[in-house]
Every structure is written in C-alpha cells, then in structure tokens.
Amino acid sequence: MIRWCYISFMALLTGLYGFRVAGQYVQRTDPVPWLPAAHLWQDGGLDYAYASLLQIAVLLFMAISTFRAARHAIVPRRWKRRLSHLIGWGYLAVTVVRMVPGISVPPTYAWLETSFALFFHLVVAIYMIALAVYLDYDATRRKEHYYQAYGTPD
C-alpha cells in the first residue's frame, strides 16, 4: 500500500511537469487565453528549441522512472539512491535560493516573470526526492524479504 502512495505521488508530479511542457508548447504554437502567456513559461537564457528538448528529456525520465517503479523494474542500488538524493536536494536548494530574493525583497518584474516557471523547477526537485525516498523504501523492503527467506547473517 505504501509503495503505491509513492508511485501515485510520482505520477502526479510527472503529470504536473507534463502540463508545463504541453502548456508551453500550446502557448508557443496556438495561444489560448486561459493559459499564462508564453514568456511566463520560460525562465532561463536557453532558446525555446533547446529548452523544449531538455524538458522533454526530463519528462521522459520522469515517466519511465515512474512506470518502472510501478513494475518493480528498478533495482534500488546504493549509487542510484545517493545520486537521486544528491540531485533532488541540490536542485531544491538551488531553486529555493533563486526564490528567496523574490520573497524577501519586494518582488521586481524580473522575479514575477520567472515565479511561474520556478514552481515547475520545484516539481522536478520534489520528484527526484520522492524517487530517492521510494528507492530507499524498496531497498529496505527487499532486504527484509531476503532475510525472511534466508535468515540473518551470522
């Protein structure tokens, strides 16, 4: 039951990030009035063509990782858990540092421009942390099953 909570949360975050990729594409090609303007979806110095390729790669990673976690196809190796924690917590720290000036100082126009996109950076950071926590949980679960079957080492 707990495993499906992790996977459902990861699927929700993947859907949110998919909304970002799709929303940005829609606003670039055929704008609709009920979505934020196209320039609000972009927050960096990257051109849209490069940024969209990077976003699609991140979205594919998120979707494949969630699917593989649901099928128990990810072996929770120690290096995967450590790398996921490092990327997730590091990315979260960088994103929060980017947000602090906009929260503590009266917001400037430049910060208002990127606050919408920063939310989706938080989504990716939280996804990586959720993946790391899931891998920790799965490693513990596998270890318990192993010891139940073969006994504890002497």
C-alpha atoms as a PDB file:
ATOM      1  CA  MET A   1       0.000   0.000   0.000  1.00  0.00           C
ATOM      2  CA  ILE A   2       2.760   2.451   0.919  1.00  0.00           C
ATOM      3  CA  ARG A   3       4.543   1.696  -2.359  1.00  0.00           C
ATOM      4  CA  TRP A   4       1.523   2.836  -4.354  1.00  0.00           C
ATOM      5  CA  CYS A   5       1.423   6.097  -2.418  1.00  0.00           C
ATOM      6  CA  TYR A   6       4.965   6.840  -3.595  1.00  0.00           C
ATOM      7  CA  ILE A   7       4.161   5.832  -7.151  1.00  0.00           C
ATOM      8  CA  SER A   8       0.914   7.842  -7.209  1.00  0.00           C
ATOM      9  CA  PHE A   9       2.755  10.913  -5.928  1.00  0.00           C
ATOM     10  CA  MET A  10       5.474  10.467  -8.555  1.00  0.00           C
ATOM     11  CA  ALA A  11       2.784  10.078 -11.249  1.00  0.00           C
ATOM     12  CA  LEU A  12       1.099  13.280 -10.048  1.00  0.00           C
ATOM     13  CA  LEU A  13       4.380  15.200 -10.255  1.00  0.00           C
ATOM     14  CA  THR A  14       5.034  13.737 -13.708  1.00  0.00           C
ATOM     15  CA  GLY A  15       1.588  14.917 -14.804  1.00  0.00           C
ATOM     16  CA  LEU A  16       2.248  18.415 -13.464  1.00  0.00           C
ATOM     17  CA  TYR A  17       5.519  18.615 -15.357  1.00  0.00           C
ATOM     18  CA  GLY A  18       3.808  17.228 -18.461  1.00  0.00           C
ATOM     19  CA  PHE A  19       1.292  20.060 -18.120  1.00  0.00           C
ATOM     20  CA  ARG A  20       4.190  22.509 -18.167  1.00  0.00           C
ATOM     21  CA  VAL A  21       5.688  21.024 -21.331  1.00  0.00           C
ATOM     22  CA  ALA A  22       2.305  20.839 -23.085  1.00  0.00           C
ATOM     23  CA  GLY A  23       1.194  24.286 -21.888  1.00  0.00           C
ATOM     24  CA  GLN A  24       4.383  25.927 -23.052  1.00  0.00           C
ATOM     25  CA  TYR A  25       4.073  24.241 -26.455  1.00  0.00           C
ATOM     26  CA  VAL A  26       0.435  25.297 -26.834  1.00  0.00           C
ATOM     27  CA  GLN A  27       1.205  28.900 -25.930  1.00  0.00           C
ATOM     28  CA  ARG A  28       4.086  28.983 -28.423  1.00  0.00           C
ATOM     29  CA  THR A  29       2.150  27.492 -31.338  1.00  0.00           C
ATOM     30  CA  ASP A  30      -1.512  28.449 -30.866  1.00  0.00           C
ATOM     31  CA  PRO A  31      -2.049  30.649 -27.783  1.00  0.00           C
ATOM     32  CA  VAL A  32      -5.203  30.241 -25.726  1.00  0.00           C
ATOM     33  CA  PRO A  33      -6.478  32.901 -23.306  1.00  0.00           C
ATOM     34  CA  TRP A  34      -6.908  30.633 -20.263  1.00  0.00           C
ATOM     35  CA  LEU A  35      -3.211  29.686 -20.005  1.00  0.00           C
ATOM     36  CA  PRO A  36      -0.428  32.048 -18.870  1.00  0.00           C
ATOM     37  CA  ALA A  37       1.422  33.879 -21.632  1.00  0.00           C
ATOM     38  CA  ALA A  38       4.213  32.043 -23.448  1.00  0.00           C
ATOM     39  CA  HIS A  39       7.026  34.152 -21.961  1.00  0.00           C
ATOM     40  CA  LEU A  40       5.955  33.194 -18.406  1.00  0.00           C
ATOM     41  CA  TRP A  41       6.678  29.506 -19.040  1.00  0.00           C
ATOM     42  CA  GLN A  42      10.328  30.216 -19.915  1.00  0.00           C
ATOM     43  CA  ASP A  43      12.754  31.305 -17.219  1.00  0.00           C
ATOM     44  CA  GLY A  44      16.305  30.928 -18.482  1.00  0.00           C
ATOM     45  CA  GLY A  45      18.655  32.091 -21.135  1.00  0.00           C
ATOM     46  CA  LEU A  46      18.075  28.976 -23.237  1.00  0.00           C
ATOM     47  CA  ASP A  47      16.309  29.276 -26.549  1.00  0.00           C
ATOM     48  CA  TYR A  48      12.887  27.589 -26.664  1.00  0.00           C
ATOM     49  CA  ALA A  49      14.107  24.874 -29.055  1.00  0.00           C
ATOM     50  CA  TYR A  50      16.866  23.757 -26.678  1.00  0.00           C
ATOM     51  CA  ALA A  51      14.749  24.232 -23.567  1.00  0.00           C
ATOM     52  CA  SER A  52      11.914  22.154 -25.001  1.00  0.00           C
ATOM     53  CA  LEU A  53      14.278  19.288 -25.863  1.00  0.00           C
ATOM     54  CA  LEU A  54      15.638  19.365 -22.325  1.00  0.00           C
ATOM     55  CA  GLN A  55      12.119  19.493 -20.871  1.00  0.00           C
ATOM     56  CA  ILE A  56      11.015  16.535 -22.991  1.00  0.00           C
ATOM     57  CA  ALA A  57      14.072  14.556 -21.853  1.00  0.00           C
ATOM     58  CA  VAL A  58      13.256  15.321 -18.192  1.00  0.00           C
ATOM     59  CA  LEU A  59       9.603  14.399 -18.759  1.00  0.00           C
ATOM     60  CA  LEU A  60      10.610  11.103 -20.388  1.00  0.00           C
ATOM     61  CA  PHE A  61      12.920  10.324 -17.465  1.00  0.00           C
ATOM     62  CA  MET A  62      10.106  11.037 -15.023  1.00  0.00           C
ATOM     63  CA  ALA A  63       7.553   8.943 -16.925  1.00  0.00           C
ATOM     64  CA  ILE A  64       9.892   5.984 -17.467  1.00  0.00           C
ATOM     65  CA  SER A  65      11.102   6.030 -13.852  1.00  0.00           C
ATOM     66  CA  THR A  66       7.540   6.099 -12.534  1.00  0.00           C
ATOM     67  CA  PHE A  67       6.484   3.278 -14.863  1.00  0.00           C
ATOM     68  CA  ARG A  68       9.497   1.163 -13.933  1.00  0.00           C
ATOM     69  CA  ALA A  69       8.918   1.801 -10.225  1.00  0.00           C
ATOM     70  CA  ALA A  70       5.319   0.641 -10.599  1.00  0.00           C
ATOM     71  CA  ARG A  71       6.519  -2.592 -12.218  1.00  0.00           C
ATOM     72  CA  HIS A  72       9.318  -3.208  -9.655  1.00  0.00           C
ATOM     73  CA  ALA A  73      11.808  -2.911 -12.507  1.00  0.00           C
ATOM     74  CA  ILE A  74      14.206  -0.510 -10.781  1.00  0.00           C
ATOM     75  CA  VAL A  75      16.892  -2.219  -8.745  1.00  0.00           C
ATOM     76  CA  PRO A  76      17.478   0.146  -5.801  1.00  0.00           C
ATOM     77  CA  ARG A  77      21.256   0.204  -5.884  1.00  0.00           C
ATOM     78  CA  ARG A  78      23.035   2.361  -3.340  1.00  0.00           C
ATOM     79  CA  TRP A  79      24.542   4.648  -6.004  1.00  0.00           C
ATOM     80  CA  LYS A  80      21.092   5.272  -7.524  1.00  0.00           C
ATOM     81  CA  ARG A  81      19.668   6.208  -4.145  1.00  0.00           C
ATOM     82  CA  ARG A  82      22.574   8.504  -3.314  1.00  0.00           C
ATOM     83  CA  LEU A  83      22.554  10.152  -6.740  1.00  0.00           C
ATOM     84  CA  SER A  84      18.786  10.712  -6.581  1.00  0.00           C
ATOM     85  CA  HIS A  85      19.087  12.279  -3.128  1.00  0.00           C
ATOM     86  CA  LEU A  86      22.013  14.450  -4.228  1.00  0.00           C
ATOM     87  CA  ILE A  87      20.282  15.688  -7.386  1.00  0.00           C
ATOM     88  CA  GLY A  88      16.940  16.198  -5.666  1.00  0.00           C
ATOM     89  CA  TRP A  89      18.166  18.051  -2.591  1.00  0.00           C
ATOM     90  CA  GLY A  90      20.751  20.022  -4.580  1.00  0.00           C
ATOM     91  CA  TYR A  91      18.196  21.097  -7.169  1.00  0.00           C
ATOM     92  CA  LEU A  92      15.731  22.022  -4.418  1.00  0.00           C
ATOM     93  CA  ALA A  93      18.385  24.153  -2.684  1.00  0.00           C
ATOM     94  CA  VAL A  94      19.268  25.972  -5.909  1.00  0.00           C
ATOM     95  CA  THR A  95      15.593  26.604  -6.677  1.00  0.00           C
ATOM     96  CA  VAL A  96      14.872  27.918  -3.175  1.00  0.00           C
ATOM     97  CA  VAL A  97      17.926  30.201  -3.369  1.00  0.00           C
ATOM     98  CA  ARG A  98      16.520  31.566  -6.621  1.00  0.00           C
ATOM     99  CA  MET A  99      13.145  32.155  -4.947  1.00  0.00           C
ATOM    100  CA  VAL A 100      14.409  33.883  -1.774  1.00  0.00           C
ATOM    101  CA  PRO A 101      15.111  37.304  -3.350  1.00  0.00           C
ATOM    102  CA  GLY A 102      11.583  37.418  -4.714  1.00  0.00           C
ATOM    103  CA  ILE A 103      10.067  36.542  -1.351  1.00  0.00           C
ATOM    104  CA  SER A 104      12.220  38.643   0.995  1.00  0.00           C
ATOM    105  CA  VAL A 105      12.620  41.742  -1.179  1.00  0.00           C
ATOM    106  CA  PRO A 106       9.590  43.394  -2.734  1.00  0.00           C
ATOM    107  CA  PRO A 107       9.109  41.491  -5.983  1.00  0.00           C
ATOM    108  CA  THR A 108      10.565  43.016  -9.070  1.00  0.00           C
ATOM    109  CA  TYR A 109       9.219  42.498 -12.525  1.00  0.00           C
ATOM    110  CA  ALA A 110      12.014  40.035 -13.355  1.00  0.00           C
ATOM    111  CA  TRP A 111      11.120  37.795 -10.414  1.00  0.00           C
ATOM    112  CA  LEU A 112       7.433  37.887 -11.306  1.00  0.00           C
ATOM    113  CA  GLU A 113       8.382  36.736 -14.774  1.00  0.00           C
ATOM    114  CA  THR A 114      10.072  33.576 -13.502  1.00  0.00           C
ATOM    115  CA  SER A 115       7.953  32.679 -10.450  1.00  0.00           C
ATOM    116  CA  PHE A 116       5.597  30.563 -12.556  1.00  0.00           C
ATOM    117  CA  ALA A 117       8.476  28.593 -14.068  1.00  0.00           C
ATOM    118  CA  LEU A 118      10.171  28.230 -10.666  1.00  0.00           C
ATOM    119  CA  PHE A 119       7.143  26.271  -9.464  1.00  0.00           C
ATOM    120  CA  PHE A 120       7.882  23.621 -12.072  1.00  0.00           C
ATOM    121  CA  HIS A 121      11.539  23.536 -11.018  1.00  0.00           C
ATOM    122  CA  LEU A 122      10.240  22.705  -7.540  1.00  0.00           C
ATOM    123  CA  VAL A 123       8.125  19.936  -9.076  1.00  0.00           C
ATOM    124  CA  VAL A 124      11.210  18.324 -10.642  1.00  0.00           C
ATOM    125  CA  ALA A 125      13.237  18.661  -7.431  1.00  0.00           C
ATOM    126  CA  ILE A 126      10.458  17.128  -5.340  1.00  0.00           C
ATOM    127  CA  TYR A 127      10.102  14.334  -7.904  1.00  0.00           C
ATOM    128  CA  MET A 128      13.787  13.449  -7.563  1.00  0.00           C
ATOM    129  CA  ILE A 129      13.477  13.435  -3.767  1.00  0.00           C
ATOM    130  CA  ALA A 130      10.348  11.262  -3.988  1.00  0.00           C
ATOM    131  CA  LEU A 131      12.185   8.854  -6.302  1.00  0.00           C
ATOM    132  CA  ALA A 132      15.088   8.669  -3.845  1.00  0.00           C
ATOM    133  CA  VAL A 133      12.762   8.006  -0.905  1.00  0.00           C
ATOM    134  CA  TYR A 134      10.952   5.333  -2.920  1.00  0.00           C
ATOM    135  CA  LEU A 135      14.281   3.671  -3.753  1.00  0.00           C
ATOM    136  CA  ASP A 136      15.216   3.744  -0.055  1.00  0.00           C
ATOM    137  CA  TYR A 137      11.873   2.151   0.815  1.00  0.00           C
ATOM    138  CA  ASP A 138      12.231  -0.503  -1.885  1.00  0.00           C
ATOM    139  CA  ALA A 139      15.780  -1.366  -0.791  1.00  0.00           C
ATOM    140  CA  THR A 140      14.603  -1.834   2.800  1.00  0.00           C
ATOM    141  CA  ARG A 141      11.655  -3.936   1.654  1.00  0.00           C
ATOM    142  CA  ARG A 142      13.872  -6.167  -0.486  1.00  0.00           C
ATOM    143  CA  LYS A 143      16.364  -6.601   2.356  1.00  0.00           C
ATOM    144  CA  GLU A 144      13.581  -7.621   4.762  1.00  0.00           C
ATOM    145  CA  HIS A 145      12.227 -10.166   2.275  1.00  0.00           C
ATOM    146  CA  TYR A 146      15.709 -11.583   1.770  1.00  0.00           C
ATOM    147  CA  TYR A 147      16.307 -12.004   5.494  1.00  0.00           C
ATOM    148  CA  GLN A 148      12.872 -13.569   5.980  1.00  0.00           C
ATOM    149  CA  ALA A 149      13.669 -16.182   3.360  1.00  0.00           C
ATOM    150  CA  TYR A 150      17.311 -16.931   4.199  1.00  0.00           C
ATOM    151  CA  GLY A 151      17.728 -15.762   7.784  1.00  0.00           C
ATOM    152  CA  THR A 152      20.039 -13.130   9.183  1.00  0.00           C
ATOM    153  CA  PRO A 153      23.770 -13.403   8.555  1.00  0.00           C
ATOM    154  CA  ASP A 154      25.889 -14.820  11.393  1.00  0.00           C
END
